[in-house]
Amino acid sequence: MEEHMADKAAAIVAGLGGAGNIEDIEACITRLRTEVGDPAKVDEPALKAAGAHGVLISGNVVQVVVGPEADALTDDINDLLD
């Protein structure tokens, strides 16, 4: 795992309200599709600072637009969640 990608993954986890707030995450082409326990804990500016191009929140589903590295980031985030 590249250091940069690991830092980005950790920053995204923090922006989503921490590991305990993430119930599910999967890569969807250029997005991280996540389900969170508490959408109020999602820090959109922090996600954008972590490199997200956009954030879409609909109820407990948060989509973080990250571009073509979505698959690699999902793997790194899952490592952090284990």
Protein backbone atom coordinates (compact mmCIF):
# COMPACT_ATOMS: atom_id res chain seq x y z
CA MET A 1 0.00 0.00 0.00
CA GLU A 2 1.43 3.36 -1.02
CA GLU A 3 1.89 5.84 1.81
CA HIS A 4 -0.09 8.53 -0.02
CA MET A 5 -3.01 6.19 -0.64
CA ALA A 6 -2.97 4.99 2.98
CA ASP A 7 -3.09 8.60 4.19
CA LYS A 8 -5.93 9.36 1.80
CA ALA A 9 -7.85 6.27 2.93
CA ALA A 10 -7.43 7.27 6.58
CA ALA A 11 -8.55 10.83 5.81
CA ILE A 12 -11.65 9.52 4.02
CA VAL A 13 -12.50 7.22 6.94
CA ALA A 14 -12.19 10.20 9.29
CA GLY A 15 -14.34 12.33 6.97
CA LEU A 16 -17.02 9.65 7.00
CA GLY A 17 -17.26 9.91 10.79
CA GLY A 18 -14.68 7.27 11.67
CA ALA A 19 -14.52 3.51 11.21
CA GLY A 20 -17.36 2.95 13.67
CA ASN A 21 -19.71 5.03 11.51
CA ILE A 22 -19.07 3.08 8.29
CA GLU A 23 -21.45 0.16 7.94
CA ASP A 24 -20.60 -0.75 4.35
CA ILE A 25 -18.29 0.47 1.59
CA GLU A 26 -17.86 -0.58 -2.01
CA ALA A 27 -16.23 0.85 -5.10
CA CYS A 28 -18.57 1.91 -7.88
CA ILE A 29 -16.43 2.91 -10.90
CA THR A 30 -15.15 6.35 -9.77
CA ARG A 31 -16.97 6.50 -6.44
CA LEU A 32 -16.86 5.05 -2.97
CA ARG A 33 -20.40 4.08 -2.11
CA THR A 34 -20.71 3.93 1.64
CA GLU A 35 -23.44 3.34 4.14
CA VAL A 36 -22.96 5.18 7.43
CA GLY A 37 -24.66 4.84 10.80
CA ASP A 38 -24.99 8.59 11.37
CA PRO A 39 -24.91 10.91 8.33
CA ALA A 40 -24.52 13.91 10.68
CA LYS A 41 -20.96 12.72 11.42
CA VAL A 42 -19.94 13.01 7.76
CA ASP A 43 -17.53 15.93 7.28
CA GLU A 44 -17.89 17.00 3.66
CA PRO A 45 -15.09 19.63 3.76
CA ALA A 46 -12.74 17.00 5.25
CA LEU A 47 -13.62 14.55 2.46
CA LYS A 48 -12.90 17.23 -0.15
CA ALA A 49 -9.62 18.06 1.61
CA ALA A 50 -8.78 14.34 1.38
CA GLY A 51 -9.10 14.57 -2.40
CA ALA A 52 -12.77 13.86 -3.07
CA HIS A 53 -14.07 15.58 -6.19
CA GLY A 54 -17.58 15.55 -4.79
CA VAL A 55 -19.77 14.16 -2.03
CA LEU A 56 -23.40 13.08 -2.44
CA ILE A 57 -25.38 12.33 0.70
CA SER A 58 -28.79 10.68 0.52
CA GLY A 59 -30.03 9.43 3.88
CA ASN A 60 -27.43 6.99 5.21
CA VAL A 61 -25.82 6.49 1.80
CA VAL A 62 -22.78 8.65 1.10
CA GLN A 63 -21.08 8.59 -2.29
CA VAL A 64 -17.56 10.02 -2.37
CA VAL A 65 -16.34 10.78 -5.89
CA VAL A 66 -12.62 9.94 -5.97
CA GLY A 67 -11.89 9.06 -9.59
CA PRO A 68 -10.20 5.96 -10.98
CA GLU A 69 -8.49 5.04 -7.70
CA ALA A 70 -11.84 4.05 -6.11
CA ASP A 71 -11.00 0.32 -6.15
CA ALA A 72 -7.59 0.78 -4.52
CA LEU A 73 -9.00 3.18 -1.94
CA THR A 74 -11.80 0.75 -1.07
CA ASP A 75 -9.22 -1.99 -0.44
CA ASP A 76 -7.18 0.34 1.78
CA ILE A 77 -10.26 1.54 3.68
CA ASN A 78 -11.40 -2.04 4.25
CA ASP A 79 -7.94 -2.79 5.69
CA LEU A 80 -8.45 0.11 8.11
CA LEU A 81 -11.92 -1.14 9.08
CA ASP A 82 -10.79 -4.69 9.91
